[in-house]
Amino acid sequence: MKRKATAIWKGSGKDGSGTLSSPSGFFDKSPYSFKTRFENEDGTKGTNPEEMIAAAHAGCFNMALSFQIAGKDLEAEELNTTATVTIEKGDAGFAITGIVLNLTGKVPGMDEKQFIELANAAKEGCPISQALSSVPISLNITFNS
């Protein structure tokens, strides 16, 4: 299985701009630029690579956790994960310095201890977590019984 996306860029790094597209149409010529990446903290003027990493990580993690839960013959009522990717400028340039996954979940018939164990296993087993393993990834869990 292969997945792809296309990036088109025109102009210089600081003043140029581009678009990102995917075959699924999830993003179709979505604008991105230096300004949308580094000067528009709320993300309302376009996307950026870190936002896409966050979305991919949150989605992959939730799916991995749902499989962990299904392995216990249970089903999640809801898994809500927000992934926050931190990028900072250092001496060598910009780098992703950490990812925080904030999970809130409700699984009828499951206790909090088991939910926490499965969530940690999902964090380690999720393919996106594995791909990003050079970056510190933390997980905060809220369990709603």
N, C-alpha and C. Protein backbone atom coordinates (compact mmCIF):
# COMPACT_ATOMS: atom_id res chain seq x y z
N MET A 1 0.84 -1.17 0.00
CA MET A 1 0.00 0.00 0.00
C MET A 1 0.89 1.24 0.00
N LYS A 2 0.56 2.20 -0.83
CA LYS A 2 1.30 3.45 -0.89
C LYS A 2 0.30 4.60 -0.85
N ARG A 3 0.68 5.66 -0.19
CA ARG A 3 -0.13 6.89 -0.14
C ARG A 3 0.74 8.03 -0.62
N LYS A 4 0.12 9.02 -1.22
CA LYS A 4 0.93 10.13 -1.73
C LYS A 4 0.20 11.45 -1.57
N ALA A 5 0.96 12.48 -1.67
CA ALA A 5 0.46 13.86 -1.69
C ALA A 5 1.41 14.64 -2.58
N THR A 6 0.93 15.74 -3.13
CA THR A 6 1.74 16.55 -4.03
C THR A 6 1.89 17.95 -3.47
N ALA A 7 3.11 18.45 -3.50
CA ALA A 7 3.40 19.82 -3.09
C ALA A 7 3.93 20.58 -4.29
N ILE A 8 3.39 21.76 -4.53
CA ILE A 8 3.89 22.66 -5.57
C ILE A 8 4.31 23.95 -4.89
N TRP A 9 5.51 24.42 -5.19
CA TRP A 9 6.06 25.63 -4.57
C TRP A 9 6.54 26.57 -5.66
N LYS A 10 6.29 27.85 -5.47
CA LYS A 10 6.79 28.88 -6.40
C LYS A 10 7.36 30.03 -5.60
N GLY A 11 8.57 30.43 -5.97
CA GLY A 11 9.19 31.58 -5.33
C GLY A 11 10.23 31.19 -4.30
N SER A 12 10.68 32.19 -3.56
CA SER A 12 11.73 31.98 -2.55
C SER A 12 11.14 31.35 -1.30
N GLY A 13 12.01 30.92 -0.42
CA GLY A 13 11.56 30.29 0.82
C GLY A 13 10.72 31.21 1.69
N LYS A 14 11.15 32.44 1.83
CA LYS A 14 10.43 33.36 2.73
C LYS A 14 9.23 34.01 2.06
N ASP A 15 9.33 34.34 0.80
CA ASP A 15 8.25 35.08 0.14
C ASP A 15 7.42 34.24 -0.83
N GLY A 16 7.84 33.02 -1.08
CA GLY A 16 7.11 32.17 -2.00
C GLY A 16 5.88 31.56 -1.35
N SER A 17 5.18 30.75 -2.13
CA SER A 17 4.02 30.05 -1.59
C SER A 17 3.79 28.80 -2.42
N GLY A 18 2.93 27.97 -1.90
CA GLY A 18 2.66 26.73 -2.60
C GLY A 18 1.29 26.18 -2.27
N THR A 19 1.03 25.02 -2.85
CA THR A 19 -0.21 24.32 -2.57
C THR A 19 0.09 22.85 -2.31
N LEU A 20 -0.77 22.25 -1.53
CA LEU A 20 -0.68 20.83 -1.21
C LEU A 20 -1.97 20.16 -1.64
N SER A 21 -1.84 19.02 -2.29
CA SER A 21 -3.01 18.29 -2.78
C SER A 21 -2.85 16.80 -2.51
N SER A 22 -3.99 16.14 -2.40
CA SER A 22 -3.98 14.69 -2.21
C SER A 22 -5.04 14.06 -3.10
N PRO A 23 -4.81 12.83 -3.54
CA PRO A 23 -5.78 12.16 -4.41
C PRO A 23 -7.16 12.02 -3.77
N SER A 24 -7.22 11.90 -2.46
CA SER A 24 -8.52 11.75 -1.79
C SER A 24 -9.34 13.03 -1.83
N GLY A 25 -8.66 14.15 -2.09
CA GLY A 25 -9.33 15.44 -2.07
C GLY A 25 -9.42 16.04 -0.68
N PHE A 26 -8.85 15.34 0.32
CA PHE A 26 -8.87 15.86 1.68
C PHE A 26 -8.30 17.27 1.72
N PHE A 27 -7.20 17.44 1.03
CA PHE A 27 -6.73 18.79 0.78
C PHE A 27 -6.49 18.90 -0.72
N ASP A 28 -7.03 19.95 -1.29
CA ASP A 28 -6.98 20.15 -2.73
C ASP A 28 -6.49 21.56 -3.00
N LYS A 29 -5.23 21.65 -3.36
CA LYS A 29 -4.59 22.94 -3.59
C LYS A 29 -4.68 23.83 -2.34
N SER A 30 -4.48 23.21 -1.17
CA SER A 30 -4.46 23.96 0.09
C SER A 30 -3.22 24.84 0.13
N PRO A 31 -3.37 26.12 0.43
CA PRO A 31 -2.21 27.01 0.41
C PRO A 31 -1.29 26.79 1.61
N TYR A 32 0.00 26.97 1.36
CA TYR A 32 0.97 26.99 2.45
C TYR A 32 2.10 27.91 2.05
N SER A 33 2.73 28.48 3.06
CA SER A 33 3.82 29.43 2.84
C SER A 33 4.60 29.59 4.15
N PHE A 34 5.67 30.36 4.08
CA PHE A 34 6.43 30.67 5.30
C PHE A 34 5.51 31.33 6.31
N LYS A 35 4.70 32.27 5.83
CA LYS A 35 3.81 32.99 6.75
C LYS A 35 2.79 32.07 7.38
N THR A 36 2.18 31.16 6.60
CA THR A 36 1.19 30.26 7.20
C THR A 36 1.86 29.26 8.13
N ARG A 37 3.13 29.01 7.91
CA ARG A 37 3.84 28.04 8.74
C ARG A 37 4.37 28.66 10.02
N PHE A 38 4.92 29.87 9.93
CA PHE A 38 5.62 30.43 11.08
C PHE A 38 5.03 31.72 11.64
N GLU A 39 4.13 32.35 10.92
CA GLU A 39 3.60 33.62 11.39
C GLU A 39 2.10 33.60 11.63
N ASN A 40 1.44 32.50 11.38
CA ASN A 40 -0.01 32.40 11.55
C ASN A 40 -0.29 31.25 12.52
N GLU A 41 -0.11 31.53 13.80
CA GLU A 41 -0.18 30.49 14.84
C GLU A 41 -1.53 29.77 14.87
N ASP A 42 -2.63 30.47 14.57
CA ASP A 42 -3.93 29.81 14.66
C ASP A 42 -4.27 28.99 13.41
N GLY A 43 -3.46 29.08 12.36
CA GLY A 43 -3.63 28.25 11.18
C GLY A 43 -4.80 28.62 10.29
N THR A 44 -5.33 29.82 10.42
CA THR A 44 -6.51 30.19 9.65
C THR A 44 -6.21 30.61 8.21
N LYS A 45 -4.94 30.86 7.90
CA LYS A 45 -4.61 31.37 6.56
C LYS A 45 -3.99 30.33 5.65
N GLY A 46 -3.93 29.10 6.09
CA GLY A 46 -3.35 28.04 5.28
C GLY A 46 -2.78 26.96 6.17
N THR A 47 -2.35 25.90 5.56
CA THR A 47 -1.85 24.77 6.33
C THR A 47 -0.32 24.82 6.42
N ASN A 48 0.25 23.81 7.01
CA ASN A 48 1.70 23.67 7.10
C ASN A 48 2.01 22.20 7.34
N PRO A 49 3.24 21.80 7.08
CA PRO A 49 3.58 20.39 7.25
C PRO A 49 3.35 19.86 8.66
N GLU A 50 3.60 20.70 9.67
CA GLU A 50 3.43 20.24 11.05
C GLU A 50 1.96 19.94 11.37
N GLU A 51 1.06 20.75 10.82
CA GLU A 51 -0.37 20.51 11.02
C GLU A 51 -0.77 19.16 10.42
N MET A 52 -0.21 18.85 9.26
CA MET A 52 -0.52 17.57 8.63
C MET A 52 0.07 16.40 9.41
N ILE A 53 1.26 16.60 9.98
CA ILE A 53 1.83 15.56 10.85
C ILE A 53 0.93 15.36 12.06
N ALA A 54 0.45 16.45 12.65
CA ALA A 54 -0.43 16.35 13.82
C ALA A 54 -1.71 15.59 13.47
N ALA A 55 -2.32 15.93 12.34
CA ALA A 55 -3.55 15.24 11.93
C ALA A 55 -3.30 13.76 11.67
N ALA A 56 -2.21 13.45 10.99
CA ALA A 56 -1.87 12.06 10.70
C ALA A 56 -1.63 11.29 11.99
N HIS A 57 -0.94 11.91 12.93
CA HIS A 57 -0.61 11.23 14.18
C HIS A 57 -1.86 10.99 15.02
N ALA A 58 -2.71 12.00 15.15
CA ALA A 58 -3.93 11.84 15.94
C ALA A 58 -4.83 10.76 15.32
N GLY A 59 -4.97 10.79 14.01
CA GLY A 59 -5.81 9.80 13.34
C GLY A 59 -5.27 8.39 13.45
N CYS A 60 -4.00 8.23 13.25
CA CYS A 60 -3.37 6.92 13.33
C CYS A 60 -3.45 6.37 14.75
N PHE A 61 -3.17 7.22 15.73
CA PHE A 61 -3.22 6.81 17.12
C PHE A 61 -4.62 6.34 17.50
N ASN A 62 -5.66 7.11 17.15
CA ASN A 62 -7.02 6.71 17.47
C ASN A 62 -7.38 5.37 16.84
N MET A 63 -6.96 5.17 15.59
CA MET A 63 -7.26 3.91 14.92
C MET A 63 -6.53 2.76 15.61
N ALA A 64 -5.26 2.96 15.96
CA ALA A 64 -4.49 1.92 16.65
C ALA A 64 -5.13 1.59 17.99
N LEU A 65 -5.58 2.62 18.72
CA LEU A 65 -6.22 2.39 20.01
C LEU A 65 -7.55 1.66 19.83
N SER A 66 -8.30 1.98 18.80
CA SER A 66 -9.57 1.28 18.58
C SER A 66 -9.33 -0.21 18.33
N PHE A 67 -8.25 -0.56 17.67
CA PHE A 67 -7.92 -1.97 17.47
C PHE A 67 -7.50 -2.63 18.78
N GLN A 68 -6.75 -1.90 19.62
CA GLN A 68 -6.38 -2.42 20.94
C GLN A 68 -7.64 -2.73 21.75
N ILE A 69 -8.59 -1.80 21.72
CA ILE A 69 -9.85 -1.96 22.47
C ILE A 69 -10.66 -3.12 21.91
N ALA A 70 -10.74 -3.23 20.59
CA ALA A 70 -11.48 -4.33 19.95
C ALA A 70 -10.88 -5.68 20.34
N GLY A 71 -9.56 -5.70 20.58
CA GLY A 71 -8.91 -6.93 21.01
C GLY A 71 -9.38 -7.39 22.38
N LYS A 72 -10.04 -6.53 23.11
CA LYS A 72 -10.64 -6.87 24.42
C LYS A 72 -12.15 -7.07 24.29
N ASP A 73 -12.61 -7.21 23.05
CA ASP A 73 -14.03 -7.40 22.74
C ASP A 73 -14.90 -6.25 23.23
N LEU A 74 -14.36 -5.05 23.15
CA LEU A 74 -15.09 -3.83 23.51
C LEU A 74 -15.01 -2.86 22.35
N GLU A 75 -15.82 -1.81 22.45
CA GLU A 75 -15.84 -0.79 21.41
C GLU A 75 -15.88 0.59 22.05
N ALA A 76 -15.06 1.48 21.54
CA ALA A 76 -15.03 2.85 22.07
C ALA A 76 -16.30 3.59 21.69
N GLU A 77 -16.85 4.28 22.66
CA GLU A 77 -17.95 5.20 22.34
C GLU A 77 -17.38 6.43 21.65
N GLU A 78 -16.21 6.88 22.15
CA GLU A 78 -15.52 8.00 21.50
C GLU A 78 -14.07 8.04 21.93
N LEU A 79 -13.19 8.28 20.98
CA LEU A 79 -11.78 8.58 21.21
C LEU A 79 -11.52 9.93 20.58
N ASN A 80 -11.12 10.89 21.37
CA ASN A 80 -10.88 12.25 20.90
C ASN A 80 -9.43 12.60 21.21
N THR A 81 -8.61 12.70 20.19
CA THR A 81 -7.19 12.98 20.37
C THR A 81 -6.80 14.24 19.64
N THR A 82 -6.14 15.13 20.35
CA THR A 82 -5.53 16.30 19.76
C THR A 82 -4.02 16.10 19.81
N ALA A 83 -3.38 16.19 18.66
CA ALA A 83 -1.92 16.09 18.59
C ALA A 83 -1.37 17.50 18.40
N THR A 84 -0.40 17.85 19.22
CA THR A 84 0.25 19.15 19.10
C THR A 84 1.72 18.92 18.77
N VAL A 85 2.12 19.42 17.61
CA VAL A 85 3.51 19.30 17.16
C VAL A 85 4.21 20.62 17.43
N THR A 86 5.32 20.55 18.15
CA THR A 86 6.10 21.75 18.45
C THR A 86 7.30 21.82 17.52
N ILE A 87 7.45 22.98 16.87
CA ILE A 87 8.62 23.23 16.03
C ILE A 87 9.32 24.46 16.58
N GLU A 88 10.63 24.37 16.71
CA GLU A 88 11.42 25.46 17.29
C GLU A 88 12.65 25.72 16.43
N LYS A 89 13.08 26.96 16.47
CA LYS A 89 14.30 27.33 15.75
C LYS A 89 15.49 27.21 16.68
N GLY A 90 16.45 26.43 16.23
CA GLY A 90 17.69 26.26 16.98
C GLY A 90 18.86 26.74 16.16
N ASP A 91 20.05 26.45 16.61
CA ASP A 91 21.27 26.86 15.91
C ASP A 91 21.36 26.26 14.51
N ALA A 92 20.84 25.06 14.34
CA ALA A 92 20.91 24.38 13.04
C ALA A 92 19.67 24.62 12.18
N GLY A 93 18.77 25.50 12.64
CA GLY A 93 17.53 25.76 11.89
C GLY A 93 16.33 25.23 12.63
N PHE A 94 15.22 25.12 11.94
CA PHE A 94 13.99 24.66 12.55
C PHE A 94 13.99 23.15 12.72
N ALA A 95 13.39 22.69 13.82
CA ALA A 95 13.29 21.26 14.08
C ALA A 95 12.03 20.99 14.89
N ILE A 96 11.42 19.85 14.64
CA ILE A 96 10.32 19.40 15.47
C ILE A 96 10.93 18.87 16.76
N THR A 97 10.51 19.45 17.88
CA THR A 97 11.13 19.13 19.16
C THR A 97 10.24 18.29 20.07
N GLY A 98 9.00 18.09 19.70
CA GLY A 98 8.14 17.27 20.53
C GLY A 98 6.73 17.18 19.97
N ILE A 99 6.04 16.14 20.39
CA ILE A 99 4.64 15.93 20.03
C ILE A 99 3.91 15.52 21.30
N VAL A 100 2.77 16.16 21.54
CA VAL A 100 1.93 15.81 22.68
C VAL A 100 0.59 15.31 22.14
N LEU A 101 0.22 14.12 22.57
CA LEU A 101 -1.09 13.56 22.25
C LEU A 101 -1.97 13.73 23.49
N ASN A 102 -3.06 14.46 23.36
CA ASN A 102 -4.04 14.62 24.43
C ASN A 102 -5.27 13.81 24.07
N LEU A 103 -5.49 12.74 24.82
CA LEU A 103 -6.56 11.79 24.54
C LEU A 103 -7.65 11.88 25.59
N THR A 104 -8.87 11.94 25.14
CA THR A 104 -10.04 11.75 26.00
C THR A 104 -10.83 10.60 25.40
N GLY A 105 -11.14 9.62 26.23
CA GLY A 105 -11.85 8.46 25.70
C GLY A 105 -12.92 7.94 26.62
N LYS A 106 -13.89 7.31 26.00
CA LYS A 106 -14.97 6.66 26.74
C LYS A 106 -15.19 5.30 26.10
N VAL A 107 -15.05 4.26 26.92
CA VAL A 107 -15.22 2.89 26.46
C VAL A 107 -16.10 2.16 27.48
N PRO A 108 -17.36 1.97 27.17
CA PRO A 108 -18.24 1.24 28.08
C PRO A 108 -17.70 -0.16 28.37
N GLY A 109 -17.68 -0.52 29.65
CA GLY A 109 -17.22 -1.84 30.05
C GLY A 109 -15.73 -1.95 30.32
N MET A 110 -15.00 -0.86 30.15
CA MET A 110 -13.55 -0.87 30.38
C MET A 110 -13.22 0.01 31.58
N ASP A 111 -12.23 -0.41 32.37
CA ASP A 111 -11.81 0.43 33.48
C ASP A 111 -10.64 1.33 33.05
N GLU A 112 -10.39 2.32 33.85
CA GLU A 112 -9.38 3.32 33.51
C GLU A 112 -7.98 2.72 33.38
N LYS A 113 -7.63 1.81 34.26
CA LYS A 113 -6.29 1.20 34.23
C LYS A 113 -6.05 0.49 32.90
N GLN A 114 -7.03 -0.28 32.47
CA GLN A 114 -6.88 -1.00 31.20
C GLN A 114 -6.83 -0.02 30.02
N PHE A 115 -7.65 1.03 30.08
CA PHE A 115 -7.65 2.04 29.02
C PHE A 115 -6.27 2.68 28.90
N ILE A 116 -5.68 3.02 30.02
CA ILE A 116 -4.34 3.65 30.02
C ILE A 116 -3.31 2.68 29.42
N GLU A 117 -3.37 1.42 29.80
CA GLU A 117 -2.43 0.42 29.26
C GLU A 117 -2.57 0.31 27.74
N LEU A 118 -3.81 0.23 27.28
CA LEU A 118 -4.03 0.10 25.84
C LEU A 118 -3.63 1.36 25.08
N ALA A 119 -3.89 2.52 25.67
CA ALA A 119 -3.51 3.78 25.02
C ALA A 119 -1.99 3.87 24.88
N ASN A 120 -1.26 3.46 25.90
CA ASN A 120 0.20 3.48 25.81
C ASN A 120 0.71 2.49 24.78
N ALA A 121 0.07 1.33 24.69
CA ALA A 121 0.45 0.35 23.67
C ALA A 121 0.17 0.91 22.27
N ALA A 122 -0.96 1.59 22.11
CA ALA A 122 -1.30 2.18 20.81
C ALA A 122 -0.30 3.27 20.43
N LYS A 123 0.12 4.05 21.41
CA LYS A 123 1.10 5.11 21.14
C LYS A 123 2.40 4.50 20.61
N GLU A 124 2.82 3.40 21.18
CA GLU A 124 4.06 2.75 20.74
C GLU A 124 3.88 2.02 19.41
N GLY A 125 2.70 1.45 19.17
CA GLY A 125 2.49 0.62 17.99
C GLY A 125 1.99 1.35 16.76
N CYS A 126 1.47 2.54 16.93
CA CYS A 126 0.95 3.31 15.79
C CYS A 126 2.06 3.55 14.77
N PRO A 127 1.84 3.26 13.49
CA PRO A 127 2.88 3.46 12.48
C PRO A 127 3.41 4.90 12.41
N ILE A 128 2.56 5.88 12.66
CA ILE A 128 3.04 7.27 12.63
C ILE A 128 3.94 7.53 13.83
N SER A 129 3.58 7.02 15.01
CA SER A 129 4.47 7.15 16.18
C SER A 129 5.82 6.52 15.89
N GLN A 130 5.80 5.36 15.25
CA GLN A 130 7.05 4.69 14.94
C GLN A 130 7.88 5.51 13.95
N ALA A 131 7.22 6.10 12.96
CA ALA A 131 7.94 6.92 11.97
C ALA A 131 8.53 8.17 12.61
N LEU A 132 7.89 8.65 13.65
CA LEU A 132 8.34 9.88 14.32
C LEU A 132 9.13 9.60 15.59
N SER A 133 9.64 8.40 15.73
CA SER A 133 10.27 7.97 16.99
C SER A 133 11.51 8.77 17.38
N SER A 134 12.08 9.54 16.47
CA SER A 134 13.24 10.36 16.83
C SER A 134 12.83 11.62 17.60
N VAL A 135 11.52 11.85 17.71
CA VAL A 135 10.98 13.01 18.40
C VAL A 135 10.31 12.54 19.69
N PRO A 136 10.53 13.25 20.82
CA PRO A 136 9.82 12.86 22.05
C PRO A 136 8.30 12.99 21.86
N ILE A 137 7.59 11.92 22.20
CA ILE A 137 6.13 11.89 22.09
C ILE A 137 5.58 11.62 23.49
N SER A 138 4.71 12.52 23.95
CA SER A 138 4.09 12.29 25.27
C SER A 138 2.59 12.11 25.07
N LEU A 139 1.98 11.44 26.04
CA LEU A 139 0.57 11.11 25.97
C LEU A 139 -0.11 11.51 27.28
N ASN A 140 -1.13 12.34 27.19
CA ASN A 140 -1.95 12.71 28.33
C ASN A 140 -3.32 12.06 28.14
N ILE A 141 -3.82 11.41 29.18
CA ILE A 141 -5.03 10.61 29.05
C ILE A 141 -6.09 11.08 30.03
N THR A 142 -7.29 11.28 29.51
CA THR A 142 -8.48 11.49 30.33
C THR A 142 -9.46 10.39 29.98
N PHE A 143 -9.87 9.63 30.99
CA PHE A 143 -10.81 8.53 30.77
C PHE A 143 -12.16 8.90 31.37
N ASN A 144 -13.18 8.84 30.55
CA ASN A 144 -14.55 9.09 31.00
C ASN A 144 -15.27 7.77 31.14
N SER A 145 -15.63 7.43 32.35
CA SER A 145 -16.32 6.15 32.57
C SER A 145 -17.81 6.26 32.34
